[in-house]
Amino acid sequence: MASLSQLVDSVVVTTFEVDKPEVRVGRRADNDIRIDEISVSGHHALIECVANAYLEGTVDYYITDRSSTNGTFVNDLRISDRQRLNSGDRVRIGWNEFRFVDEDESAMEKTAYILD
C-alpha cells in the first residue's frame, strides 16, 4: 500500500493512505486529501493508481498538477505533465512537503518502467 506523509522540518506529522484508483488533493472539502492552507489550490493535484504494464499484480502511482496556482513539485522539480512517483520521492504541494512511500515497490518494478 502507498501513502503520502506530510513533513514539517523533516518529521512526519500526518500520513494519508493512497488507497483508491484516484486520490484528489486540494484545499476544498470534496478532496480525498484535504490541505486547508492558503498556498494549496481548491483542486490542486491528482494521484492515480495504474496497473503496471509489465509486472502482473503491481501498481504504479502517478501525480498530475490540476492547474494549481503554486504548482506541484516532485524532488524539487515543478511538474507540467503526469509524473510517475517512486517510493521516497519528495512531493511539494503549495508550501507543504510530503514523502511518497510505496511499501510494495521493488527494484524489478523500477526496471520495468525504464524499459517502457
PDB file of N, CA and C in Angstrom:
ATOM      1  N   MET A   1       0.835  -1.179   0.000  1.00  0.00           N
ATOM      2  CA  MET A   1       0.000   0.000   0.000  1.00  0.00           C
ATOM      3  C   MET A   1       0.881   1.243   0.000  1.00  0.00           C
ATOM      4  N   ALA A   2       0.398   2.296  -0.630  1.00  0.00           N
ATOM      5  CA  ALA A   2       1.153   3.541  -0.724  1.00  0.00           C
ATOM      6  C   ALA A   2       0.554   4.595   0.212  1.00  0.00           C
ATOM      7  N   SER A   3       1.392   5.564   0.557  1.00  0.00           N
ATOM      8  CA  SER A   3       0.928   6.657   1.409  1.00  0.00           C
ATOM      9  C   SER A   3       1.699   7.932   1.081  1.00  0.00           C
ATOM     10  N   LEU A   4       1.122   9.038   1.510  1.00  0.00           N
ATOM     11  CA  LEU A   4       1.725  10.352   1.366  1.00  0.00           C
ATOM     12  C   LEU A   4       1.852  10.910   2.774  1.00  0.00           C
ATOM     13  N   SER A   5       3.106  11.085   3.248  1.00  0.00           N
ATOM     14  CA  SER A   5       3.341  11.545   4.621  1.00  0.00           C
ATOM     15  C   SER A   5       3.740  13.012   4.611  1.00  0.00           C
ATOM     16  N   GLN A   6       2.971  13.830   5.318  1.00  0.00           N
ATOM     17  CA  GLN A   6       3.274  15.253   5.406  1.00  0.00           C
ATOM     18  C   GLN A   6       4.433  15.464   6.374  1.00  0.00           C
ATOM     19  N   LEU A   7       5.391  16.285   5.946  1.00  0.00           N
ATOM     20  CA  LEU A   7       6.590  16.544   6.738  1.00  0.00           C
ATOM     21  C   LEU A   7       6.626  17.990   7.199  1.00  0.00           C
ATOM     22  N   VAL A   8       7.054  18.192   8.431  1.00  0.00           N
ATOM     23  CA  VAL A   8       7.364  19.517   8.956  1.00  0.00           C
ATOM     24  C   VAL A   8       8.741  19.401   9.578  1.00  0.00           C
ATOM     25  N   ASP A   9       9.697  20.137   9.040  1.00  0.00           N
ATOM     26  CA  ASP A   9      11.094  20.044   9.485  1.00  0.00           C
ATOM     27  C   ASP A   9      11.585  18.598   9.444  1.00  0.00           C
ATOM     28  N   SER A  10      11.256  17.901   8.352  1.00  0.00           N
ATOM     29  CA  SER A  10      11.659  16.511   8.087  1.00  0.00           C
ATOM     30  C   SER A  10      11.061  15.491   9.056  1.00  0.00           C
ATOM     31  N   VAL A  11      10.040  15.878   9.800  1.00  0.00           N
ATOM     32  CA  VAL A  11       9.357  14.969  10.723  1.00  0.00           C
ATOM     33  C   VAL A  11       7.946  14.725  10.201  1.00  0.00           C
ATOM     34  N   VAL A  12       7.523  13.460  10.165  1.00  0.00           N
ATOM     35  CA  VAL A  12       6.180  13.114   9.698  1.00  0.00           C
ATOM     36  C   VAL A  12       5.155  13.587  10.729  1.00  0.00           C
ATOM     37  N   VAL A  13       4.186  14.403  10.258  1.00  0.00           N
ATOM     38  CA  VAL A  13       3.139  14.886  11.156  1.00  0.00           C
ATOM     39  C   VAL A  13       1.780  14.270  10.834  1.00  0.00           C
ATOM     40  N   THR A  14       1.568  13.883   9.557  1.00  0.00           N
ATOM     41  CA  THR A  14       0.317  13.270   9.145  1.00  0.00           C
ATOM     42  C   THR A  14       0.609  12.317   7.990  1.00  0.00           C
ATOM     43  N   THR A  15      -0.073  11.188   7.969  1.00  0.00           N
ATOM     44  CA  THR A  15       0.068  10.242   6.857  1.00  0.00           C
ATOM     45  C   THR A  15      -1.300   9.983   6.241  1.00  0.00           C
ATOM     46  N   PHE A  16      -1.353  10.090   4.923  1.00  0.00           N
ATOM     47  CA  PHE A  16      -2.578   9.860   4.162  1.00  0.00           C
ATOM     48  C   PHE A  16      -2.384   8.612   3.313  1.00  0.00           C
ATOM     49  N   GLU A  17      -3.317   7.680   3.380  1.00  0.00           N
ATOM     50  CA  GLU A  17      -3.249   6.467   2.574  1.00  0.00           C
ATOM     51  C   GLU A  17      -3.675   6.778   1.138  1.00  0.00           C
ATOM     52  N   VAL A  18      -2.954   6.218   0.190  1.00  0.00           N
ATOM     53  CA  VAL A  18      -3.332   6.309  -1.222  1.00  0.00           C
ATOM     54  C   VAL A  18      -3.925   4.949  -1.561  1.00  0.00           C
ATOM     55  N   ASP A  19      -5.226   4.819  -1.323  1.00  0.00           N
ATOM     56  CA  ASP A  19      -5.869   3.511  -1.365  1.00  0.00           C
ATOM     57  C   ASP A  19      -7.056   3.432  -2.324  1.00  0.00           C
ATOM     58  N   LYS A  20      -7.115   4.378  -3.267  1.00  0.00           N
ATOM     59  CA  LYS A  20      -8.183   4.390  -4.266  1.00  0.00           C
ATOM     60  C   LYS A  20      -7.556   4.578  -5.646  1.00  0.00           C
ATOM     61  N   PRO A  21      -8.267   4.236  -6.711  1.00  0.00           N
ATOM     62  CA  PRO A  21      -7.705   4.427  -8.061  1.00  0.00           C
ATOM     63  C   PRO A  21      -7.333   5.879  -8.351  1.00  0.00           C
ATOM     64  N   GLU A  22      -8.083   6.816  -7.806  1.00  0.00           N
ATOM     65  CA  GLU A  22      -7.768   8.239  -7.930  1.00  0.00           C
ATOM     66  C   GLU A  22      -7.906   8.898  -6.563  1.00  0.00           C
ATOM     67  N   VAL A  23      -6.883   9.659  -6.189  1.00  0.00           N
ATOM     68  CA  VAL A  23      -6.898  10.381  -4.921  1.00  0.00           C
ATOM     69  C   VAL A  23      -6.709  11.858  -5.251  1.00  0.00           C
ATOM     70  N   ARG A  24      -7.701  12.661  -4.913  1.00  0.00           N
ATOM     71  CA  ARG A  24      -7.661  14.096  -5.196  1.00  0.00           C
ATOM     72  C   ARG A  24      -7.096  14.831  -3.986  1.00  0.00           C
ATOM     73  N   VAL A  25      -6.222  15.808  -4.285  1.00  0.00           N
ATOM     74  CA  VAL A  25      -5.562  16.581  -3.237  1.00  0.00           C
ATOM     75  C   VAL A  25      -5.879  18.052  -3.453  1.00  0.00           C
ATOM     76  N   GLY A  26      -6.280  18.744  -2.383  1.00  0.00           N
ATOM     77  CA  GLY A  26      -6.558  20.166  -2.501  1.00  0.00           C
ATOM     78  C   GLY A  26      -7.148  20.749  -1.235  1.00  0.00           C
ATOM     79  N   ARG A  27      -7.509  22.025  -1.315  1.00  0.00           N
ATOM     80  CA  ARG A  27      -7.998  22.753  -0.146  1.00  0.00           C
ATOM     81  C   ARG A  27      -9.500  22.549   0.098  1.00  0.00           C
ATOM     82  N   ARG A  28     -10.261  22.264  -0.948  1.00  0.00           N
ATOM     83  CA  ARG A  28     -11.715  22.127  -0.791  1.00  0.00           C
ATOM     84  C   ARG A  28     -12.090  20.824  -0.085  1.00  0.00           C
ATOM     85  N   ALA A  29     -13.255  20.841   0.526  1.00  0.00           N
ATOM     86  CA  ALA A  29     -13.723  19.702   1.331  1.00  0.00           C
ATOM     87  C   ALA A  29     -14.008  18.448   0.510  1.00  0.00           C
ATOM     88  N   ASP A  30     -14.202  18.588  -0.807  1.00  0.00           N
ATOM     89  CA  ASP A  30     -14.533  17.415  -1.620  1.00  0.00           C
ATOM     90  C   ASP A  30     -13.305  16.621  -2.076  1.00  0.00           C
ATOM     91  N   ASN A  31     -12.113  16.967  -1.603  1.00  0.00           N
ATOM     92  CA  ASN A  31     -10.883  16.230  -1.919  1.00  0.00           C
ATOM     93  C   ASN A  31     -10.709  15.049  -0.975  1.00  0.00           C
ATOM     94  N   ASP A  32     -10.005  14.026  -1.454  1.00  0.00           N
ATOM     95  CA  ASP A  32      -9.703  12.873  -0.601  1.00  0.00           C
ATOM     96  C   ASP A  32      -8.658  13.236   0.449  1.00  0.00           C
ATOM     97  N   ILE A  33      -7.674  14.030   0.024  1.00  0.00           N
ATOM     98  CA  ILE A  33      -6.670  14.566   0.955  1.00  0.00           C
ATOM     99  C   ILE A  33      -6.880  16.070   0.985  1.00  0.00           C
ATOM    100  N   ARG A  34      -7.392  16.559   2.091  1.00  0.00           N
ATOM    101  CA  ARG A  34      -7.705  17.986   2.228  1.00  0.00           C
ATOM    102  C   ARG A  34      -6.583  18.672   3.001  1.00  0.00           C
ATOM    103  N   ILE A  35      -6.032  19.708   2.369  1.00  0.00           N
ATOM    104  CA  ILE A  35      -4.975  20.501   2.999  1.00  0.00           C
ATOM    105  C   ILE A  35      -5.494  21.924   3.096  1.00  0.00           C
ATOM    106  N   ASP A  36      -5.951  22.299   4.280  1.00  0.00           N
ATOM    107  CA  ASP A  36      -6.551  23.606   4.496  1.00  0.00           C
ATOM    108  C   ASP A  36      -5.447  24.636   4.747  1.00  0.00           C
ATOM    109  N   GLU A  37      -4.836  25.068   3.658  1.00  0.00           N
ATOM    110  CA  GLU A  37      -3.708  26.007   3.732  1.00  0.00           C
ATOM    111  C   GLU A  37      -3.758  26.893   2.498  1.00  0.00           C
ATOM    112  N   ILE A  38      -3.467  28.168   2.644  1.00  0.00           N
ATOM    113  CA  ILE A  38      -3.678  29.156   1.588  1.00  0.00           C
ATOM    114  C   ILE A  38      -2.864  28.911   0.310  1.00  0.00           C
ATOM    115  N   SER A  39      -1.726  28.253   0.395  1.00  0.00           N
ATOM    116  CA  SER A  39      -0.899  28.023  -0.805  1.00  0.00           C
ATOM    117  C   SER A  39      -1.406  26.848  -1.645  1.00  0.00           C
ATOM    118  N   VAL A  40      -2.381  26.126  -1.138  1.00  0.00           N
ATOM    119  CA  VAL A  40      -2.934  24.958  -1.827  1.00  0.00           C
ATOM    120  C   VAL A  40      -4.213  25.376  -2.554  1.00  0.00           C
ATOM    121  N   SER A  41      -4.295  25.047  -3.854  1.00  0.00           N
ATOM    122  CA  SER A  41      -5.484  25.362  -4.641  1.00  0.00           C
ATOM    123  C   SER A  41      -6.647  24.464  -4.234  1.00  0.00           C
ATOM    124  N   GLY A  42      -7.846  24.884  -4.585  1.00  0.00           N
ATOM    125  CA  GLY A  42      -9.045  24.121  -4.242  1.00  0.00           C
ATOM    126  C   GLY A  42      -8.976  22.682  -4.723  1.00  0.00           C
ATOM    127  N   HIS A  43      -8.570  22.494  -5.967  1.00  0.00           N
ATOM    128  CA  HIS A  43      -8.341  21.165  -6.553  1.00  0.00           C
ATOM    129  C   HIS A  43      -6.921  21.200  -7.106  1.00  0.00           C
ATOM    130  N   HIS A  44      -5.955  20.843  -6.307  1.00  0.00           N
ATOM    131  CA  HIS A  44      -4.535  21.088  -6.583  1.00  0.00           C
ATOM    132  C   HIS A  44      -3.870  19.987  -7.415  1.00  0.00           C
ATOM    133  N   ALA A  45      -4.028  18.733  -7.015  1.00  0.00           N
ATOM    134  CA  ALA A  45      -3.315  17.637  -7.679  1.00  0.00           C
ATOM    135  C   ALA A  45      -4.159  16.370  -7.661  1.00  0.00           C
ATOM    136  N   LEU A  46      -3.763  15.436  -8.525  1.00  0.00           N
ATOM    137  CA  LEU A  46      -4.441  14.148  -8.613  1.00  0.00           C
ATOM    138  C   LEU A  46      -3.382  13.056  -8.593  1.00  0.00           C
ATOM    139  N   ILE A  47      -3.578  12.048  -7.731  1.00  0.00           N
ATOM    140  CA  ILE A  47      -2.699  10.876  -7.708  1.00  0.00           C
ATOM    141  C   ILE A  47      -3.506   9.708  -8.263  1.00  0.00           C
ATOM    142  N   GLU A  48      -2.931   9.026  -9.264  1.00  0.00           N
ATOM    143  CA  GLU A  48      -3.600   7.893  -9.896  1.00  0.00           C
ATOM    144  C   GLU A  48      -2.838   6.605  -9.622  1.00  0.00           C
ATOM    145  N   CYS A  49      -3.566   5.520  -9.414  1.00  0.00           N
ATOM    146  CA  CYS A  49      -3.004   4.183  -9.247  1.00  0.00           C
ATOM    147  C   CYS A  49      -3.322   3.417 -10.530  1.00  0.00           C
ATOM    148  N   VAL A  50      -2.276   2.942 -11.227  1.00  0.00           N
ATOM    149  CA  VAL A  50      -2.442   2.298 -12.524  1.00  0.00           C
ATOM    150  C   VAL A  50      -1.709   0.960 -12.515  1.00  0.00           C
ATOM    151  N   ALA A  51      -2.332  -0.067 -13.052  1.00  0.00           N
ATOM    152  CA  ALA A  51      -1.688  -1.382 -13.135  1.00  0.00           C
ATOM    153  C   ALA A  51      -0.425  -1.278 -13.996  1.00  0.00           C
ATOM    154  N   ASN A  52       0.670  -1.861 -13.509  1.00  0.00           N
ATOM    155  CA  ASN A  52       1.944  -1.874 -14.237  1.00  0.00           C
ATOM    156  C   ASN A  52       1.795  -2.727 -15.495  1.00  0.00           C
ATOM    157  N   ALA A  53       2.271  -2.205 -16.618  1.00  0.00           N
ATOM    158  CA  ALA A  53       2.114  -2.882 -17.905  1.00  0.00           C
ATOM    159  C   ALA A  53       2.977  -4.139 -18.023  1.00  0.00           C
ATOM    160  N   TYR A  54       4.015  -4.258 -17.193  1.00  0.00           N
ATOM    161  CA  TYR A  54       4.967  -5.359 -17.329  1.00  0.00           C
ATOM    162  C   TYR A  54       4.903  -6.384 -16.204  1.00  0.00           C
ATOM    163  N   LEU A  55       4.526  -5.949 -15.019  1.00  0.00           N
ATOM    164  CA  LEU A  55       4.541  -6.839 -13.864  1.00  0.00           C
ATOM    165  C   LEU A  55       3.122  -7.035 -13.333  1.00  0.00           C
ATOM    166  N   GLU A  56       2.601  -8.214 -13.526  1.00  0.00           N
ATOM    167  CA  GLU A  56       1.243  -8.523 -13.095  1.00  0.00           C
ATOM    168  C   GLU A  56       1.120  -8.358 -11.583  1.00  0.00           C
ATOM    169  N   GLY A  57       0.035  -7.724 -11.152  1.00  0.00           N
ATOM    170  CA  GLY A  57      -0.220  -7.529  -9.730  1.00  0.00           C
ATOM    171  C   GLY A  57       0.517  -6.351  -9.120  1.00  0.00           C
ATOM    172  N   THR A  58       1.203  -5.575  -9.953  1.00  0.00           N
ATOM    173  CA  THR A  58       1.977  -4.430  -9.473  1.00  0.00           C
ATOM    174  C   THR A  58       1.270  -3.142  -9.889  1.00  0.00           C
ATOM    175  N   VAL A  59       1.314  -2.142  -9.023  1.00  0.00           N
ATOM    176  CA  VAL A  59       0.649  -0.869  -9.273  1.00  0.00           C
ATOM    177  C   VAL A  59       1.687   0.239  -9.374  1.00  0.00           C
ATOM    178  N   ASP A  60       1.500   1.127 -10.345  1.00  0.00           N
ATOM    179  CA  ASP A  60       2.316   2.336 -10.467  1.00  0.00           C
ATOM    180  C   ASP A  60       1.479   3.518 -10.015  1.00  0.00           C
ATOM    181  N   TYR A  61       2.135   4.527  -9.467  1.00  0.00           N
ATOM    182  CA  TYR A  61       1.449   5.719  -8.989  1.00  0.00           C
ATOM    183  C   TYR A  61       1.943   6.923  -9.780  1.00  0.00           C
ATOM    184  N   TYR A  62       1.001   7.776 -10.171  1.00  0.00           N
ATOM    185  CA  TYR A  62       1.310   8.980 -10.945  1.00  0.00           C
ATOM    186  C   TYR A  62       0.651  10.172 -10.286  1.00  0.00           C
ATOM    187  N   ILE A  63       1.314  11.331 -10.384  1.00  0.00           N
ATOM    188  CA  ILE A  63       0.730  12.565  -9.863  1.00  0.00           C
ATOM    189  C   ILE A  63       0.640  13.564 -11.011  1.00  0.00           C
ATOM    190  N   THR A  64      -0.453  14.323 -11.019  1.00  0.00           N
ATOM    191  CA  THR A  64      -0.687  15.346 -12.031  1.00  0.00           C
ATOM    192  C   THR A  64      -1.120  16.619 -11.322  1.00  0.00           C
ATOM    193  N   ASP A  65      -0.544  17.748 -11.723  1.00  0.00           N
ATOM    194  CA  ASP A  65      -0.984  19.041 -11.222  1.00  0.00           C
ATOM    195  C   ASP A  65      -2.275  19.404 -11.941  1.00  0.00           C
ATOM    196  N   ARG A  66      -3.233  19.929 -11.197  1.00  0.00           N
ATOM    197  CA  ARG A  66      -4.541  20.268 -11.780  1.00  0.00           C
ATOM    198  C   ARG A  66      -4.668  21.775 -11.988  1.00  0.00           C
ATOM    199  N   SER A  67      -3.666  22.343 -12.679  1.00  0.00           N
ATOM    200  CA  SER A  67      -3.632  23.788 -12.980  1.00  0.00           C
ATOM    201  C   SER A  67      -3.658  24.630 -11.703  1.00  0.00           C
ATOM    202  N   SER A  68      -2.884  24.198 -10.711  1.00  0.00           N
ATOM    203  CA  SER A  68      -2.838  24.914  -9.435  1.00  0.00           C
ATOM    204  C   SER A  68      -2.080  26.230  -9.584  1.00  0.00           C
ATOM    205  N   THR A  69      -2.299  27.127  -8.644  1.00  0.00           N
ATOM    206  CA  THR A  69      -1.628  28.419  -8.660  1.00  0.00           C
ATOM    207  C   THR A  69      -0.160  28.298  -8.288  1.00  0.00           C
ATOM    208  N   ASN A  70       0.159  27.544  -7.252  1.00  0.00           N
ATOM    209  CA  ASN A  70       1.532  27.467  -6.741  1.00  0.00           C
ATOM    210  C   ASN A  70       2.293  26.221  -7.173  1.00  0.00           C
ATOM    211  N   GLY A  71       1.695  25.374  -7.968  1.00  0.00           N
ATOM    212  CA  GLY A  71       2.401  24.247  -8.553  1.00  0.00           C
ATOM    213  C   GLY A  71       2.521  23.026  -7.665  1.00  0.00           C
ATOM    214  N   THR A  72       2.873  21.931  -8.337  1.00  0.00           N
ATOM    215  CA  THR A  72       3.157  20.655  -7.692  1.00  0.00           C
ATOM    216  C   THR A  72       4.570  20.277  -8.093  1.00  0.00           C
ATOM    217  N   PHE A  73       5.384  19.877  -7.126  1.00  0.00           N
ATOM    218  CA  PHE A  73       6.796  19.581  -7.356  1.00  0.00           C
ATOM    219  C   PHE A  73       7.099  18.156  -6.901  1.00  0.00           C
ATOM    220  N   VAL A  74       7.935  17.460  -7.672  1.00  0.00           N
ATOM    221  CA  VAL A  74       8.443  16.151  -7.287  1.00  0.00           C
ATOM    222  C   VAL A  74       9.955  16.255  -7.265  1.00  0.00           C
ATOM    223  N   ASN A  75      10.545  16.014  -6.102  1.00  0.00           N
ATOM    224  CA  ASN A  75      12.003  16.134  -5.909  1.00  0.00           C
ATOM    225  C   ASN A  75      12.505  17.494  -6.392  1.00  0.00           C
ATOM    226  N   ASP A  76      11.797  18.548  -5.990  1.00  0.00           N
ATOM    227  CA  ASP A  76      12.130  19.949  -6.268  1.00  0.00           C
ATOM    228  C   ASP A  76      11.985  20.373  -7.720  1.00  0.00           C
ATOM    229  N   LEU A  77      11.407  19.543  -8.572  1.00  0.00           N
ATOM    230  CA  LEU A  77      11.159  19.912  -9.965  1.00  0.00           C
ATOM    231  C   LEU A  77       9.662  20.081 -10.181  1.00  0.00           C
ATOM    232  N   ARG A  78       9.288  21.257 -10.691  1.00  0.00           N
ATOM    233  CA  ARG A  78       7.870  21.514 -10.954  1.00  0.00           C
ATOM    234  C   ARG A  78       7.405  20.611 -12.087  1.00  0.00           C
ATOM    235  N   ILE A  79       6.276  19.946 -11.877  1.00  0.00           N
ATOM    236  CA  ILE A  79       5.777  19.049 -12.910  1.00  0.00           C
ATOM    237  C   ILE A  79       4.781  19.798 -13.797  1.00  0.00           C
ATOM    238  N   SER A  80       4.818  19.476 -15.080  1.00  0.00           N
ATOM    239  CA  SER A  80       3.856  20.074 -16.002  1.00  0.00           C
ATOM    240  C   SER A  80       2.978  18.993 -16.630  1.00  0.00           C
ATOM    241  N   ASP A  81       3.471  17.753 -16.608  1.00  0.00           N
ATOM    242  CA  ASP A  81       2.718  16.615 -17.124  1.00  0.00           C
ATOM    243  C   ASP A  81       2.561  15.598 -16.007  1.00  0.00           C
ATOM    244  N   ARG A  82       1.916  14.518 -16.331  1.00  0.00           N
ATOM    245  CA  ARG A  82       1.780  13.393 -15.400  1.00  0.00           C
ATOM    246  C   ARG A  82       3.175  12.870 -15.061  1.00  0.00           C
ATOM    247  N   GLN A  83       3.445  12.697 -13.777  1.00  0.00           N
ATOM    248  CA  GLN A  83       4.766  12.281 -13.301  1.00  0.00           C
ATOM    249  C   GLN A  83       4.644  11.011 -12.468  1.00  0.00           C
ATOM    250  N   ARG A  84       5.459  10.007 -12.788  1.00  0.00           N
ATOM    251  CA  ARG A  84       5.456   8.762 -12.009  1.00  0.00           C
ATOM    252  C   ARG A  84       6.098   9.029 -10.651  1.00  0.00           C
ATOM    253  N   LEU A  85       5.526   8.444  -9.610  1.00  0.00           N
ATOM    254  CA  LEU A  85       6.072   8.561  -8.264  1.00  0.00           C
ATOM    255  C   LEU A  85       6.799   7.275  -7.892  1.00  0.00           C
ATOM    256  N   ASN A  86       7.987   7.425  -7.328  1.00  0.00           N
ATOM    257  CA  ASN A  86       8.748   6.299  -6.787  1.00  0.00           C
ATOM    258  C   ASN A  86       8.778   6.434  -5.272  1.00  0.00           C
ATOM    259  N   SER A  87       8.876   5.314  -4.593  1.00  0.00           N
ATOM    260  CA  SER A  87       8.938   5.348  -3.140  1.00  0.00           C
ATOM    261  C   SER A  87      10.127   6.201  -2.697  1.00  0.00           C
ATOM    262  N   GLY A  88       9.875   7.107  -1.773  1.00  0.00           N
ATOM    263  CA  GLY A  88      10.912   8.002  -1.272  1.00  0.00           C
ATOM    264  C   GLY A  88      10.913   9.369  -1.929  1.00  0.00           C
ATOM    265  N   ASP A  89      10.131   9.543  -3.001  1.00  0.00           N
ATOM    266  CA  ASP A  89      10.065  10.854  -3.652  1.00  0.00           C
ATOM    267  C   ASP A  89       9.505  11.890  -2.695  1.00  0.00           C
ATOM    268  N   ARG A  90      10.028  13.101  -2.817  1.00  0.00           N
ATOM    269  CA  ARG A  90       9.501  14.232  -2.060  1.00  0.00           C
ATOM    270  C   ARG A  90       8.549  14.990  -2.961  1.00  0.00           C
ATOM    271  N   VAL A  91       7.368  15.242  -2.448  1.00  0.00           N
ATOM    272  CA  VAL A  91       6.321  15.930  -3.201  1.00  0.00           C
ATOM    273  C   VAL A  91       5.998  17.222  -2.467  1.00  0.00           C
ATOM    274  N   ARG A  92       5.959  18.334  -3.211  1.00  0.00           N
ATOM    275  CA  ARG A  92       5.579  19.619  -2.605  1.00  0.00           C
ATOM    276  C   ARG A  92       4.306  20.091  -3.279  1.00  0.00           C
ATOM    277  N   ILE A  93       3.313  20.363  -2.458  1.00  0.00           N
ATOM    278  CA  ILE A  93       2.023  20.860  -2.902  1.00  0.00           C
ATOM    279  C   ILE A  93       1.837  22.215  -2.246  1.00  0.00           C
ATOM    280  N   GLY A  94       1.917  23.270  -3.062  1.00  0.00           N
ATOM    281  CA  GLY A  94       1.965  24.618  -2.494  1.00  0.00           C
ATOM    282  C   GLY A  94       3.221  24.744  -1.658  1.00  0.00           C
ATOM    283  N   TRP A  95       3.049  25.093  -0.393  1.00  0.00           N
ATOM    284  CA  TRP A  95       4.208  25.208   0.511  1.00  0.00           C
ATOM    285  C   TRP A  95       4.354  23.977   1.402  1.00  0.00           C
ATOM    286  N   ASN A  96       3.598  22.940   1.149  1.00  0.00           N
ATOM    287  CA  ASN A  96       3.554  21.757   2.005  1.00  0.00           C
ATOM    288  C   ASN A  96       4.397  20.630   1.419  1.00  0.00           C
ATOM    289  N   GLU A  97       5.236  20.042   2.256  1.00  0.00           N
ATOM    290  CA  GLU A  97       6.131  18.983   1.803  1.00  0.00           C
ATOM    291  C   GLU A  97       5.640  17.618   2.282  1.00  0.00           C
ATOM    292  N   PHE A  98       5.754  16.631   1.379  1.00  0.00           N
ATOM    293  CA  PHE A  98       5.327  15.269   1.646  1.00  0.00           C
ATOM    294  C   PHE A  98       6.405  14.295   1.181  1.00  0.00           C
ATOM    295  N   ARG A  99       6.365  13.086   1.722  1.00  0.00           N
ATOM    296  CA  ARG A  99       7.190  11.989   1.217  1.00  0.00           C
ATOM    297  C   ARG A  99       6.230  10.902   0.748  1.00  0.00           C
ATOM    298  N   PHE A 100       6.425  10.445  -0.502  1.00  0.00           N
ATOM    299  CA  PHE A 100       5.627   9.361  -1.036  1.00  0.00           C
ATOM    300  C   PHE A 100       6.289   8.048  -0.660  1.00  0.00           C
ATOM    301  N   VAL A 101       5.510   7.124  -0.108  1.00  0.00           N
ATOM    302  CA  VAL A 101       6.039   5.819   0.307  1.00  0.00           C
ATOM    303  C   VAL A 101       5.178   4.734  -0.322  1.00  0.00           C
ATOM    304  N   ASP A 102       5.835   3.837  -1.057  1.00  0.00           N
ATOM    305  CA  ASP A 102       5.156   2.676  -1.638  1.00  0.00           C
ATOM    306  C   ASP A 102       5.840   1.444  -1.063  1.00  0.00           C
ATOM    307  N   GLU A 103       5.222   0.835  -0.084  1.00  0.00           N
ATOM    308  CA  GLU A 103       5.824  -0.316   0.608  1.00  0.00           C
ATOM    309  C   GLU A 103       5.992  -1.524  -0.297  1.00  0.00           C
ATOM    310  N   ASP A 104       5.251  -1.582  -1.407  1.00  0.00           N
ATOM    311  CA  ASP A 104       5.295  -2.736  -2.300  1.00  0.00           C
ATOM    312  C   ASP A 104       6.222  -2.545  -3.496  1.00  0.00           C
ATOM    313  N   GLU A 105       6.818  -1.361  -3.640  1.00  0.00           N
ATOM    314  CA  GLU A 105       7.683  -1.108  -4.800  1.00  0.00           C
ATOM    315  C   GLU A 105       8.947  -1.967  -4.734  1.00  0.00           C
ATOM    316  N   SER A 106       9.329  -2.495  -5.887  1.00  0.00           N
ATOM    317  CA  SER A 106      10.533  -3.330  -5.947  1.00  0.00           C
ATOM    318  C   SER A 106      11.478  -2.804  -7.011  1.00  0.00           C
ATOM    319  N   ALA A 107      12.727  -3.253  -6.960  1.00  0.00           N
ATOM    320  CA  ALA A 107      13.716  -2.867  -7.962  1.00  0.00           C
ATOM    321  C   ALA A 107      13.276  -3.340  -9.342  1.00  0.00           C
ATOM    322  N   MET A 108      12.626  -4.493  -9.408  1.00  0.00           N
ATOM    323  CA  MET A 108      12.142  -5.024 -10.678  1.00  0.00           C
ATOM    324  C   MET A 108      11.121  -4.074 -11.308  1.00  0.00           C
ATOM    325  N   GLU A 109      10.278  -3.482 -10.474  1.00  0.00           N
ATOM    326  CA  GLU A 109       9.272  -2.550 -10.976  1.00  0.00           C
ATOM    327  C   GLU A 109       9.934  -1.324 -11.590  1.00  0.00           C
ATOM    328  N   LYS A 110      10.966  -0.792 -10.952  1.00  0.00           N
ATOM    329  CA  LYS A 110      11.676   0.360 -11.488  1.00  0.00           C
ATOM    330  C   LYS A 110      12.313   0.018 -12.826  1.00  0.00           C
ATOM    331  N   THR A 111      12.864  -1.171 -12.945  1.00  0.00           N
ATOM    332  CA  THR A 111      13.480  -1.608 -14.197  1.00  0.00           C
ATOM    333  C   THR A 111      12.432  -1.704 -15.298  1.00  0.00           C
ATOM    334  N   ALA A 112      11.287  -2.257 -14.995  1.00  0.00           N
ATOM    335  CA  ALA A 112      10.213  -2.375 -15.979  1.00  0.00           C
ATOM    336  C   ALA A 112       9.789  -1.010 -16.481  1.00  0.00           C
ATOM    337  N   TYR A 113       9.758  -0.017 -15.608  1.00  0.00           N
ATOM    338  CA  TYR A 113       9.368   1.322 -16.005  1.00  0.00           C
ATOM    339  C   TYR A 113      10.404   1.925 -16.951  1.00  0.00           C
ATOM    340  N   ILE A 114      11.667   1.713 -16.688  1.00  0.00           N
ATOM    341  CA  ILE A 114      12.739   2.242 -17.533  1.00  0.00           C
ATOM    342  C   ILE A 114      12.642   1.656 -18.934  1.00  0.00           C
ATOM    343  N   LEU A 115      12.231   0.398 -19.061  1.00  0.00           N
ATOM    344  CA  LEU A 115      12.120  -0.269 -20.361  1.00  0.00           C
ATOM    345  C   LEU A 115      10.965   0.261 -21.188  1.00  0.00           C
ATOM    346  N   ASP A 116      10.015   0.921 -20.558  1.00  0.00           N
ATOM    347  CA  ASP A 116       8.824   1.404 -21.229  1.00  0.00           C
ATOM    348  C   ASP A 116       9.125   2.423 -22.292  1.00  0.00           C
TER     349      ASP A 116
END
